[in-house]
C-alpha atoms as a PDB file:
ATOM      1  CA  MET A   1      52.800 132.085  70.551  1.00  0.00           C
ATOM      2  CA  SER A   2      55.189 130.548  68.017  1.00  0.00           C
ATOM      3  CA  GLU A   3      55.412 132.217  64.599  1.00  0.00           C
ATOM      4  CA  GLN A   4      54.521 128.797  63.145  1.00  0.00           C
ATOM      5  CA  ILE A   5      51.070 129.037  64.718  1.00  0.00           C
ATOM      6  CA  GLU A   6      50.216 132.754  64.576  1.00  0.00           C
ATOM      7  CA  GLN A   7      47.382 133.570  62.162  1.00  0.00           C
ATOM      8  CA  LEU A   8      46.255 129.957  62.008  1.00  0.00           C
ATOM      9  CA  VAL A   9      42.701 129.429  60.764  1.00  0.00           C
ATOM     10  CA  ILE A  10      40.996 126.079  61.332  1.00  0.00           C
ATOM     11  CA  VAL A  11      38.015 125.165  59.154  1.00  0.00           C
ATOM     12  CA  ALA A  12      35.913 122.273  60.508  1.00  0.00           C
ATOM     13  CA  ASP A  13      32.613 120.803  59.383  1.00  0.00           C
ATOM     14  CA  ASP A  14      31.145 120.667  62.886  1.00  0.00           C
ATOM     15  CA  LEU A  15      31.626 122.366  66.224  1.00  0.00           C
ATOM     16  CA  THR A  16      33.202 119.557  68.206  1.00  0.00           C
ATOM     17  CA  GLY A  17      35.745 119.158  65.432  1.00  0.00           C
ATOM     18  CA  ALA A  18      36.604 122.865  65.466  1.00  0.00           C
ATOM     19  CA  LEU A  19      37.107 122.792  69.224  1.00  0.00           C
ATOM     20  CA  ASP A  20      39.082 119.535  69.171  1.00  0.00           C
ATOM     21  CA  MET A  21      41.499 121.103  66.699  1.00  0.00           C
ATOM     22  CA  ALA A  22      41.781 124.438  68.500  1.00  0.00           C
ATOM     23  CA  ALA A  23      42.429 123.163  72.021  1.00  0.00           C
ATOM     24  CA  PRO A  24      46.032 121.944  71.546  1.00  0.00           C
ATOM     25  CA  PHE A  25      47.078 125.506  70.701  1.00  0.00           C
ATOM     26  CA  CYS A  26      45.903 126.944  74.024  1.00  0.00           C
ATOM     27  CA  ALA A  27      48.737 128.309  76.151  1.00  0.00           C
ATOM     28  CA  PRO A  28      49.066 131.025  78.804  1.00  0.00           C
ATOM     29  CA  ASP A  29      50.376 133.451  76.164  1.00  0.00           C
ATOM     30  CA  SER A  30      47.918 132.611  73.384  1.00  0.00           C
ATOM     31  CA  SER A  31      44.363 133.476  72.436  1.00  0.00           C
ATOM     32  CA  VAL A  32      42.136 130.910  70.741  1.00  0.00           C
ATOM     33  CA  VAL A  33      38.536 131.482  69.651  1.00  0.00           C
ATOM     34  CA  VAL A  34      35.956 129.405  67.811  1.00  0.00           C
ATOM     35  CA  ALA A  35      32.980 130.636  65.796  1.00  0.00           C
ATOM     36  CA  THR A  36      30.109 128.228  66.398  1.00  0.00           C
ATOM     37  CA  ARG A  37      28.553 128.954  62.997  1.00  0.00           C
ATOM     38  CA  PRO A  38      29.810 130.386  59.676  1.00  0.00           C
ATOM     39  CA  GLU A  39      27.808 133.592  60.167  1.00  0.00           C
ATOM     40  CA  ALA A  40      29.941 134.387  63.238  1.00  0.00           C
ATOM     41  CA  PHE A  41      33.292 133.885  61.492  1.00  0.00           C
ATOM     42  CA  ALA A  42      33.848 137.569  60.672  1.00  0.00           C
ATOM     43  CA  ASP A  43      33.243 138.549  64.306  1.00  0.00           C
ATOM     44  CA  ALA A  44      35.643 135.831  65.449  1.00  0.00           C
ATOM     45  CA  LEU A  45      38.334 137.103  63.066  1.00  0.00           C
ATOM     46  CA  ALA A  46      37.808 140.627  64.412  1.00  0.00           C
ATOM     47  CA  ARG A  47      39.060 139.460  67.807  1.00  0.00           C
ATOM     48  CA  ASN A  48      42.547 139.077  66.293  1.00  0.00           C
ATOM     49  CA  ALA A  49      43.233 135.842  68.141  1.00  0.00           C
ATOM     50  CA  ASP A  50      46.361 133.802  67.499  1.00  0.00           C
ATOM     51  CA  VAL A  51      44.175 130.894  66.387  1.00  0.00           C
ATOM     52  CA  THR A  52      40.668 131.222  64.955  1.00  0.00           C
ATOM     53  CA  ALA A  53      38.489 128.216  64.183  1.00  0.00           C
ATOM     54  CA  VAL A  54      35.051 127.972  62.633  1.00  0.00           C
ATOM     55  CA  SER A  55      32.357 125.338  62.356  1.00  0.00           C
ATOM     56  CA  THR A  56      30.903 125.433  58.854  1.00  0.00           C
ATOM     57  CA  ARG A  57      28.109 123.044  59.931  1.00  0.00           C
ATOM     58  CA  THR A  58      28.424 121.152  56.674  1.00  0.00           C
ATOM     59  CA  ARG A  59      28.797 117.589  57.956  1.00  0.00           C
ATOM     60  CA  ASP A  60      25.290 116.583  56.881  1.00  0.00           C
ATOM     61  CA  VAL A  61      24.429 119.001  54.063  1.00  0.00           C
ATOM     62  CA  ASP A  62      24.559 118.205  50.343  1.00  0.00           C
ATOM     63  CA  PRO A  63      27.946 118.401  48.580  1.00  0.00           C
ATOM     64  CA  ASP A  64      27.245 121.617  46.657  1.00  0.00           C
ATOM     65  CA  ALA A  65      26.151 123.451  49.796  1.00  0.00           C
ATOM     66  CA  ALA A  66      29.227 122.203  51.658  1.00  0.00           C
ATOM     67  CA  SER A  67      31.545 123.396  48.906  1.00  0.00           C
ATOM     68  CA  ARG A  68      29.898 126.833  48.734  1.00  0.00           C
ATOM     69  CA  CYS A  69      30.087 127.339  52.482  1.00  0.00           C
ATOM     70  CA  VAL A  70      33.752 126.393  52.718  1.00  0.00           C
ATOM     71  CA  ALA A  71      34.557 128.601  49.715  1.00  0.00           C
ATOM     72  CA  SER A  72      32.853 131.527  51.464  1.00  0.00           C
ATOM     73  CA  ILE A  73      34.934 130.958  54.595  1.00  0.00           C
ATOM     74  CA  ILE A  74      38.168 130.678  52.599  1.00  0.00           C
ATOM     75  CA  GLY A  75      37.333 133.978  50.918  1.00  0.00           C
ATOM     76  CA  GLN A  76      37.198 135.746  54.296  1.00  0.00           C
ATOM     77  CA  ILE A  77      40.541 134.495  55.614  1.00  0.00           C
ATOM     78  CA  PRO A  78      43.177 137.261  55.809  1.00  0.00           C
ATOM     79  CA  PRO A  79      46.163 136.976  53.453  1.00  0.00           C
ATOM     80  CA  GLY A  80      49.160 135.285  55.026  1.00  0.00           C
ATOM     81  CA  SER A  81      47.112 133.017  57.283  1.00  0.00           C
ATOM     82  CA  ARG A  82      47.869 129.294  57.485  1.00  0.00           C
ATOM     83  CA  ILE A  83      44.804 127.160  56.763  1.00  0.00           C
ATOM     84  CA  LEU A  84      44.192 123.874  58.554  1.00  0.00           C
ATOM     85  CA  LYS A  85      41.216 121.911  57.193  1.00  0.00           C
ATOM     86  CA  LYS A  86      39.807 119.578  59.794  1.00  0.00           C
ATOM     87  CA  VAL A  87      38.340 116.265  58.650  1.00  0.00           C
ATOM     88  CA  ASP A  88      36.612 113.630  60.714  1.00  0.00           C
ATOM     89  CA  SER A  89      38.995 110.970  62.024  1.00  0.00           C
ATOM     90  CA  ARG A  90      36.668 108.324  60.567  1.00  0.00           C
ATOM     91  CA  LEU A  91      36.359 110.314  57.313  1.00  0.00           C
ATOM     92  CA  LYS A  92      32.654 111.057  57.630  1.00  0.00           C
ATOM     93  CA  GLY A  93      31.028 114.044  55.963  1.00  0.00           C
ATOM     94  CA  GLN A  94      31.371 115.866  52.638  1.00  0.00           C
ATOM     95  CA  ILE A  95      35.153 115.665  52.502  1.00  0.00           C
ATOM     96  CA  ALA A  96      35.605 115.642  48.719  1.00  0.00           C
ATOM     97  CA  ALA A  97      33.274 118.613  48.228  1.00  0.00           C
ATOM     98  CA  GLU A  98      34.940 120.654  50.955  1.00  0.00           C
ATOM     99  CA  LEU A  99      38.464 119.933  49.726  1.00  0.00           C
ATOM    100  CA  SER A 100      37.423 121.189  46.290  1.00  0.00           C
ATOM    101  CA  ALA A 101      36.915 124.636  47.840  1.00  0.00           C
ATOM    102  CA  LEU A 102      40.410 124.851  49.344  1.00  0.00           C
ATOM    103  CA  PRO A 103      43.273 126.777  47.726  1.00  0.00           C
ATOM    104  CA  SER A 104      44.946 124.909  44.892  1.00  0.00           C
ATOM    105  CA  GLY A 105      48.139 122.992  45.467  1.00  0.00           C
ATOM    106  CA  ARG A 106      49.429 119.988  47.319  1.00  0.00           C
ATOM    107  CA  LEU A 107      47.559 118.497  50.264  1.00  0.00           C
ATOM    108  CA  LEU A 108      49.163 116.865  53.287  1.00  0.00           C
ATOM    109  CA  VAL A 109      46.448 114.544  54.603  1.00  0.00           C
ATOM    110  CA  LEU A 110      46.843 113.272  58.170  1.00  0.00           C
ATOM    111  CA  PRO A 111      43.483 112.045  59.569  1.00  0.00           C
ATOM    112  CA  ALA A 112      44.965 109.682  62.162  1.00  0.00           C
ATOM    113  CA  ILE A 113      44.758 110.097  65.940  1.00  0.00           C
ATOM    114  CA  PRO A 114      47.416 107.584  67.062  1.00  0.00           C
ATOM    115  CA  GLU A 115      46.911 108.337  70.754  1.00  0.00           C
ATOM    116  CA  PHE A 116      43.276 107.263  70.331  1.00  0.00           C
ATOM    117  CA  GLY A 117      44.169 104.105  68.449  1.00  0.00           C
ATOM    118  CA  ARG A 118      43.263 105.392  64.967  1.00  0.00           C
ATOM    119  CA  ILE A 119      46.156 105.104  62.527  1.00  0.00           C
ATOM    120  CA  VAL A 120      46.916 105.324  58.822  1.00  0.00           C
ATOM    121  CA  GLN A 121      49.049 102.659  57.197  1.00  0.00           C
ATOM    122  CA  ALA A 122      49.450 102.108  53.444  1.00  0.00           C
ATOM    123  CA  GLU A 123      46.822 104.849  52.951  1.00  0.00           C
ATOM    124  CA  GLU A 124      44.256 102.889  54.975  1.00  0.00           C
ATOM    125  CA  LEU A 125      42.608 104.343  58.069  1.00  0.00           C
ATOM    126  CA  ARG A 126      42.079 101.666  60.699  1.00  0.00           C
ATOM    127  CA  GLY A 127      41.868 101.120  64.432  1.00  0.00           C
ATOM    128  CA  PHE A 128      39.522 102.019  67.279  1.00  0.00           C
ATOM    129  CA  GLY A 129      35.968 102.678  66.108  1.00  0.00           C
ATOM    130  CA  VAL A 130      36.799 101.750  62.498  1.00  0.00           C
ATOM    131  CA  PRO A 131      35.458  98.207  61.966  1.00  0.00           C
ATOM    132  CA  THR A 132      36.561  98.058  58.319  1.00  0.00           C
ATOM    133  CA  PRO A 133      39.708  99.799  57.002  1.00  0.00           C
ATOM    134  CA  ILE A 134      38.949 102.932  54.969  1.00  0.00           C
ATOM    135  CA  GLN A 135      40.863 103.881  51.824  1.00  0.00           C
ATOM    136  CA  VAL A 136      41.799 107.490  52.577  1.00  0.00           C
ATOM    137  CA  ARG A 137      42.503 108.591  49.006  1.00  0.00           C
ATOM    138  CA  ASP A 138      39.094 107.355  47.857  1.00  0.00           C
ATOM    139  CA  ARG A 139      37.392 109.831  50.216  1.00  0.00           C
ATOM    140  CA  LEU A 140      39.266 112.870  48.890  1.00  0.00           C
ATOM    141  CA  GLY A 141      37.615 113.163  45.478  1.00  0.00           C
ATOM    142  CA  PRO A 142      39.536 114.906  42.664  1.00  0.00           C
ATOM    143  CA  ARG A 143      41.947 116.510  45.150  1.00  0.00           C
ATOM    144  CA  GLY A 144      43.164 113.022  46.028  1.00  0.00           C
ATOM    145  CA  ALA A 145      45.512 113.202  43.048  1.00  0.00           C
ATOM    146  CA  GLN A 146      47.375 116.028  44.825  1.00  0.00           C
ATOM    147  CA  ALA A 147      47.433 114.390  48.241  1.00  0.00           C
ATOM    148  CA  GLN A 148      50.337 113.033  50.221  1.00  0.00           C
ATOM    149  CA  ILE A 149      49.086 110.435  52.733  1.00  0.00           C
ATOM    150  CA  PRO A 150      52.028 109.231  54.846  1.00  0.00           C
ATOM    151  CA  ASP A 151      51.940 106.364  57.320  1.00  0.00           C
ATOM    152  CA  THR A 152      51.107 107.669  60.791  1.00  0.00           C
ATOM    153  CA  VAL A 153      50.987 104.884  63.345  1.00  0.00           C
ATOM    154  CA  SER A 154      52.423 106.981  66.184  1.00  0.00           C
ATOM    155  CA  GLN A 155      52.368 110.600  67.278  1.00  0.00           C
ATOM    156  CA  ALA A 156      56.090 110.762  66.523  1.00  0.00           C
ATOM    157  CA  GLU A 157      55.301 109.900  62.908  1.00  0.00           C
ATOM    158  CA  MET A 158      52.617 112.609  62.883  1.00  0.00           C
ATOM    159  CA  ARG A 159      55.206 115.174  63.972  1.00  0.00           C
ATOM    160  CA  ALA A 160      57.713 113.918  61.415  1.00  0.00           C
ATOM    161  CA  ALA A 161      55.154 114.121  58.604  1.00  0.00           C
ATOM    162  CA  PHE A 162      54.209 117.680  59.541  1.00  0.00           C
ATOM    163  CA  ASN A 163      57.832 118.780  59.878  1.00  0.00           C
ATOM    164  CA  ALA A 164      58.632 117.376  56.434  1.00  0.00           C
ATOM    165  CA  ALA A 165      55.748 119.216  54.781  1.00  0.00           C
ATOM    166  CA  ASP A 166      56.262 121.992  52.287  1.00  0.00           C
ATOM    167  CA  ASP A 167      55.174 125.353  53.728  1.00  0.00           C
ATOM    168  CA  CYS A 168      52.895 125.717  50.705  1.00  0.00           C
ATOM    169  CA  ALA A 169      51.052 122.455  51.353  1.00  0.00           C
ATOM    170  CA  VAL A 170      47.441 122.720  52.485  1.00  0.00           C
ATOM    171  CA  LEU A 171      47.089 120.872  55.782  1.00  0.00           C
ATOM    172  CA  VAL A 172      44.207 118.406  56.129  1.00  0.00           C
ATOM    173  CA  GLY A 173      43.711 116.289  59.217  1.00  0.00           C
ATOM    174  CA  ALA A 174      42.207 115.606  62.607  1.00  0.00           C
ATOM    175  CA  ARG A 175      43.255 116.216  66.192  1.00  0.00           C
ATOM    176  CA  GLY A 176      46.469 114.215  65.812  1.00  0.00           C
ATOM    177  CA  LEU A 177      47.712 116.775  63.273  1.00  0.00           C
ATOM    178  CA  ALA A 178      46.784 119.721  65.491  1.00  0.00           C
ATOM    179  CA  GLN A 179      48.655 118.116  68.376  1.00  0.00           C
ATOM    180  CA  ALA A 180      51.701 117.513  66.170  1.00  0.00           C
ATOM    181  CA  MET A 181      51.695 121.170  65.110  1.00  0.00           C
ATOM    182  CA  ALA A 182      51.420 122.358  68.705  1.00  0.00           C
ATOM    183  CA  ASP A 183      54.192 120.021  69.843  1.00  0.00           C
ATOM    184  CA  THR A 184      56.486 121.153  67.040  1.00  0.00           C
ATOM    185  CA  ALA A 185      55.868 124.783  67.967  1.00  0.00           C
ATOM    186  CA  GLY A 186      56.835 124.044  71.569  1.00  0.00           C
ATOM    187  CA  ILE A 187      53.488 125.152  72.961  1.00  0.00           C
ATOM    188  CA  MET A 188      53.155 124.553  76.701  1.00  0.00           C
ATOM    189  CA  GLN A 189      49.492 123.718  76.750  1.00  0.00           C
ATOM    190  CA  SER A 190      47.132 125.141  79.347  1.00  0.00           C
ATOM    191  CA  ARG A 191      45.394 122.588  81.565  1.00  0.00           C
ATOM    192  CA  PRO A 192      42.112 124.018  82.872  1.00  0.00           C
ATOM    193  CA  ASP A 193      40.938 123.280  86.399  1.00  0.00           C
ATOM    194  CA  PRO A 194      38.375 120.474  86.884  1.00  0.00           C
ATOM    195  CA  LEU A 195      34.665 121.261  86.742  1.00  0.00           C
ATOM    196  CA  THR A 196      33.123 122.242  90.058  1.00  0.00           C
ATOM    197  CA  GLY A 197      29.627 123.032  91.230  1.00  0.00           C
ATOM    198  CA  ARG A 198      26.539 121.958  89.338  1.00  0.00           C
ATOM    199  CA  ILE A 199      26.961 120.360  85.922  1.00  0.00           C
ATOM    200  CA  GLY A 200      24.433 119.810  83.136  1.00  0.00           C
ATOM    201  CA  VAL A 201      25.134 117.120  80.534  1.00  0.00           C
ATOM    202  CA  ALA A 202      23.321 117.027  77.176  1.00  0.00           C
ATOM    203  CA  VAL A 203      23.593 113.779  75.204  1.00  0.00           C
ATOM    204  CA  GLY A 204      22.232 113.686  71.680  1.00  0.00           C
ATOM    205  CA  SER A 205      24.746 111.309  70.142  1.00  0.00           C
ATOM    206  CA  THR A 206      23.772 107.666  69.674  1.00  0.00           C
ATOM    207  CA  ASP A 207      27.324 106.557  68.920  1.00  0.00           C
ATOM    208  CA  PRO A 208      28.096 103.309  70.810  1.00  0.00           C
ATOM    209  CA  ILE A 209      31.104 105.010  72.410  1.00  0.00           C
ATOM    210  CA  THR A 210      28.867 107.683  73.949  1.00  0.00           C
ATOM    211  CA  VAL A 211      26.209 105.139  74.952  1.00  0.00           C
ATOM    212  CA  GLU A 212      28.839 103.240  76.930  1.00  0.00           C
ATOM    213  CA  GLN A 213      30.045 106.444  78.586  1.00  0.00           C
ATOM    214  CA  VAL A 214      26.510 107.278  79.692  1.00  0.00           C
ATOM    215  CA  ALA A 215      26.073 103.782  81.140  1.00  0.00           C
ATOM    216  CA  GLU A 216      29.270 104.265  83.159  1.00  0.00           C
ATOM    217  CA  LEU A 217      28.006 107.532  84.694  1.00  0.00           C
ATOM    218  CA  THR A 218      26.160 106.404  87.812  1.00  0.00           C
ATOM    219  CA  ASP A 219      26.432 109.399  90.167  1.00  0.00           C
ATOM    220  CA  ALA A 220      23.980 111.651  88.313  1.00  0.00           C
ATOM    221  CA  THR A 221      20.308 112.362  87.755  1.00  0.00           C
ATOM    222  CA  HIS A 222      19.573 110.712  84.400  1.00  0.00           C
ATOM    223  CA  LEU A 223      16.677 112.261  82.476  1.00  0.00           C
ATOM    224  CA  LEU A 224      15.453 110.401  79.400  1.00  0.00           C
ATOM    225  CA  ALA A 225      14.126 112.709  76.685  1.00  0.00           C
ATOM    226  CA  PRO A 226      11.971 110.871  74.099  1.00  0.00           C
ATOM    227  CA  SER A 227      12.558 112.653  70.782  1.00  0.00           C
ATOM    228  CA  GLY A 228      14.419 115.269  72.840  1.00  0.00           C
ATOM    229  CA  GLU A 229      11.436 116.265  75.007  1.00  0.00           C
ATOM    230  CA  THR A 230      11.534 116.222  78.817  1.00  0.00           C
ATOM    231  CA  ASP A 231      10.963 118.395  81.889  1.00  0.00           C
ATOM    232  CA  LEU A 232      13.232 119.125  84.830  1.00  0.00           C
ATOM    233  CA  PRO A 233      12.521 117.568  88.228  1.00  0.00           C
ATOM    234  CA  ALA A 234      11.785 119.835  91.177  1.00  0.00           C
ATOM    235  CA  THR A 235      15.261 119.294  92.623  1.00  0.00           C
ATOM    236  CA  LEU A 236      18.581 118.653  90.927  1.00  0.00           C
ATOM    237  CA  ASN A 237      21.631 116.685  91.949  1.00  0.00           C
ATOM    238  CA  ARG A 238      25.104 118.080  91.396  1.00  0.00           C
ATOM    239  CA  VAL A 239      25.203 116.337  87.987  1.00  0.00           C
ATOM    240  CA  THR A 240      22.123 116.117  85.762  1.00  0.00           C
ATOM    241  CA  LEU A 241      22.291 114.261  82.446  1.00  0.00           C
ATOM    242  CA  MET A 242      19.636 114.742  79.775  1.00  0.00           C
ATOM    243  CA  GLN A 243      19.681 112.104  77.018  1.00  0.00           C
ATOM    244  CA  ALA A 244      17.648 112.024  73.821  1.00  0.00           C
ATOM    245  CA  VAL A 245      16.114 108.582  73.284  1.00  0.00           C
ATOM    246  CA  ILE A 246      13.700 106.995  70.806  1.00  0.00           C
ATOM    247  CA  GLY A 247      10.308 108.696  70.764  1.00  0.00           C
ATOM    248  CA  PRO A 248       7.452 109.597  68.434  1.00  0.00           C
ATOM    249  CA  ASP A 249       9.618 111.858  66.237  1.00  0.00           C
ATOM    250  CA  SER A 250      12.557 110.247  64.422  1.00  0.00           C
ATOM    251  CA  ASP A 251      13.890 113.301  62.555  1.00  0.00           C
ATOM    252  CA  PRO A 252      17.445 113.964  63.852  1.00  0.00           C
ATOM    253  CA  ARG A 253      17.305 117.730  63.357  1.00  0.00           C
ATOM    254  CA  ARG A 254      13.999 118.137  65.197  1.00  0.00           C
ATOM    255  CA  ILE A 255      15.215 115.851  67.988  1.00  0.00           C
ATOM    256  CA  ALA A 256      18.365 117.962  68.425  1.00  0.00           C
ATOM    257  CA  GLN A 257      16.295 121.146  68.532  1.00  0.00           C
ATOM    258  CA  ALA A 258      13.868 119.647  71.046  1.00  0.00           C
ATOM    259  CA  LEU A 259      16.724 118.476  73.258  1.00  0.00           C
ATOM    260  CA  ALA A 260      18.212 121.970  73.160  1.00  0.00           C
ATOM    261  CA  ARG A 261      14.892 123.511  74.225  1.00  0.00           C
ATOM    262  CA  SER A 262      14.594 120.993  77.045  1.00  0.00           C
ATOM    263  CA  PHE A 263      18.169 121.682  78.138  1.00  0.00           C
ATOM    264  CA  VAL A 264      17.958 125.498  78.314  1.00  0.00           C
ATOM    265  CA  PRO A 265      16.186 125.566  81.726  1.00  0.00           C
ATOM    266  CA  LEU A 266      18.818 123.177  83.090  1.00  0.00           C
ATOM    267  CA  ALA A 267      21.634 125.353  81.747  1.00  0.00           C
ATOM    268  CA  GLY A 268      20.197 128.273  83.686  1.00  0.00           C
ATOM    269  CA  GLN A 269      20.701 126.372  86.951  1.00  0.00           C
ATOM    270  CA  VAL A 270      24.263 125.114  86.470  1.00  0.00           C
ATOM    271  CA  GLY A 271      27.708 126.624  86.020  1.00  0.00           C
ATOM    272  CA  SER A 272      29.193 124.013  83.703  1.00  0.00           C
ATOM    273  CA  LEU A 273      27.883 122.288  80.585  1.00  0.00           C
ATOM    274  CA  ILE A 274      28.990 119.054  78.922  1.00  0.00           C
ATOM    275  CA  LEU A 275      27.665 118.744  75.370  1.00  0.00           C
ATOM    276  CA  THR A 276      28.057 115.385  73.645  1.00  0.00           C
ATOM    277  CA  GLY A 277      27.692 115.136  69.880  1.00  0.00           C
ATOM    278  CA  GLY A 278      28.376 117.818  67.286  1.00  0.00           C
ATOM    279  CA  ALA A 279      24.724 118.509  66.455  1.00  0.00           C
ATOM    280  CA  THR A 280      23.862 118.584  70.156  1.00  0.00           C
ATOM    281  CA  ALA A 281      26.579 121.118  70.910  1.00  0.00           C
ATOM    282  CA  GLU A 282      25.552 123.350  68.026  1.00  0.00           C
ATOM    283  CA  THR A 283      21.830 123.370  68.768  1.00  0.00           C
ATOM    284  CA  VAL A 284      22.280 123.858  72.518  1.00  0.00           C
ATOM    285  CA  LEU A 285      24.661 126.781  72.012  1.00  0.00           C
ATOM    286  CA  ASP A 286      22.277 128.267  69.440  1.00  0.00           C
ATOM    287  CA  ALA A 287      19.484 128.061  71.997  1.00  0.00           C
ATOM    288  CA  LEU A 288      21.753 129.813  74.517  1.00  0.00           C
ATOM    289  CA  ASN A 289      22.723 132.495  71.938  1.00  0.00           C
ATOM    290  CA  VAL A 290      26.411 131.570  72.105  1.00  0.00           C
ATOM    291  CA  GLU A 291      28.208 132.330  68.814  1.00  0.00           C
ATOM    292  CA  ILE A 292      31.871 132.639  69.851  1.00  0.00           C
ATOM    293  CA  LEU A 293      33.722 130.472  72.358  1.00  0.00           C
ATOM    294  CA  THR A 294      37.001 131.315  74.062  1.00  0.00           C
ATOM    295  CA  VAL A 295      38.924 128.050  74.251  1.00  0.00           C
ATOM    296  CA  GLU A 296      40.906 127.480  77.452  1.00  0.00           C
ATOM    297  CA  GLY A 297      42.501 124.102  76.700  1.00  0.00           C
ATOM    298  CA  GLU A 298      41.818 120.405  77.195  1.00  0.00           C
ATOM    299  CA  ILE A 299      40.322 119.598  80.571  1.00  0.00           C
ATOM    300  CA  VAL A 300      41.384 115.990  79.957  1.00  0.00           C
ATOM    301  CA  PRO A 301      43.307 114.857  76.869  1.00  0.00           C
ATOM    302  CA  GLY A 302      41.110 115.221  73.806  1.00  0.00           C
ATOM    303  CA  LEU A 303      38.237 117.083  75.487  1.00  0.00           C
ATOM    304  CA  PRO A 304      38.298 120.878  75.063  1.00  0.00           C
ATOM    305  CA  LEU A 305      36.947 123.328  77.602  1.00  0.00           C
ATOM    306  CA  SER A 306      35.675 126.750  76.559  1.00  0.00           C
ATOM    307  CA  ALA A 307      34.098 129.758  78.206  1.00  0.00           C
ATOM    308  CA  ALA A 308      31.104 131.849  77.147  1.00  0.00           C
ATOM    309  CA  LYS A 309      28.509 133.946  78.987  1.00  0.00           C
ATOM    310  CA  GLY A 310      29.614 132.708  82.415  1.00  0.00           C
ATOM    311  CA  TRP A 311      29.509 128.992  81.597  1.00  0.00           C
ATOM    312  CA  ARG A 312      32.414 126.568  81.442  1.00  0.00           C
ATOM    313  CA  ILE A 313      31.616 124.344  78.479  1.00  0.00           C
ATOM    314  CA  VAL A 314      33.079 120.946  77.620  1.00  0.00           C
ATOM    315  CA  THR A 315      32.320 119.525  74.183  1.00  0.00           C
ATOM    316  CA  LYS A 316      32.822 115.917  73.129  1.00  0.00           C
ATOM    317  CA  SER A 317      32.264 114.312  69.753  1.00  0.00           C
ATOM    318  CA  GLY A 318      30.051 111.260  69.878  1.00  0.00           C
ATOM    319  CA  GLY A 319      32.772 108.850  68.833  1.00  0.00           C
ATOM    320  CA  PHE A 320      35.505 110.054  71.178  1.00  0.00           C
ATOM    321  CA  GLY A 321      36.678 109.107  74.630  1.00  0.00           C
ATOM    322  CA  VAL A 322      37.239 106.204  76.987  1.00  0.00           C
ATOM    323  CA  PRO A 323      34.269 104.539  78.744  1.00  0.00           C
ATOM    324  CA  SER A 324      34.951 106.521  81.927  1.00  0.00           C
ATOM    325  CA  ALA A 325      35.050 109.909  80.145  1.00  0.00           C
ATOM    326  CA  LEU A 326      31.841 111.357  81.645  1.00  0.00           C
ATOM    327  CA  ASN A 327      32.680 109.981  85.075  1.00  0.00           C
ATOM    328  CA  ASP A 328      36.130 111.553  84.883  1.00  0.00           C
ATOM    329  CA  LEU A 329      34.729 114.938  83.855  1.00  0.00           C
ATOM    330  CA  THR A 330      32.066 115.091  86.555  1.00  0.00           C
ATOM    331  CA  ARG A 331      34.026 113.690  89.493  1.00  0.00           C
ATOM    332  CA  ASP A 332      33.482 115.883  92.564  1.00  0.00           C
ATOM    333  CA  VAL A 333      36.787 117.508  93.530  1.00  0.00           C
ATOM    334  CA  GLU A 334      35.393 119.987  96.051  1.00  0.00           C
END
């Protein structure tokens, strides 16, 4: 592992974000772990991995709670570590509050993912999945005054911006920044083998990108779960997809918890899991008592694969991926 990457700590506001950022650093000679919740961060650090990431689960909490949680995480990070603060590539969440908890100093802010068609130009985030350009500096709160927000319309520009950064700058960005860091360090990324055997897919996200991906997945048992509630059929196909849909309960948190409960029996009958949506991934892994994931790499570009308790686990944020993403992941290669 390059000295530029050793003792890297990634702080993300949800689990899919933490995994998205960690995966580019996976290599045959590296160790990468992710704490699925802030309470597991100390145990993750104790593993002495080259890269440690944590989900603070602060995407949807109030600003004060988000700031306190991030401050607590920052306080546990060993001296000498490099901090990478992950932000959503569409700048959702409590970004200003979380940045207020970071160490003082300059910020290098790189939220673009050029390879996914999301770019920053003249401090505006635009592109795929962003119907109206977003003023990046406006989302940063008081720390915006200390932020450098370079144009990043290509991955080459992402690498150039990172390479030009002061070593003292606090890094803030999305997967494009993580990839630029890994490329600069010369990391030969691991490419995990395709999924084999039985696969269970949990879909809690209602993002139009995910909805289209589900519609494209035809070779699977598709179980609709009103408000997250459903039962398993007597027999399962190789791929079984469980999708939360509109039902009597409209509370997102209760729906995610119900979907997780419904999914646990399915998880017990499969070897691989695909979890779509940050809240879905978190609640399902909570239900399975998984607190630390060992990240193995990206099974396809942008989709990390991890291991825990005998499962191979792919996580996907709701707003990420091409229409064929679920088909590509579940294609039978045996």
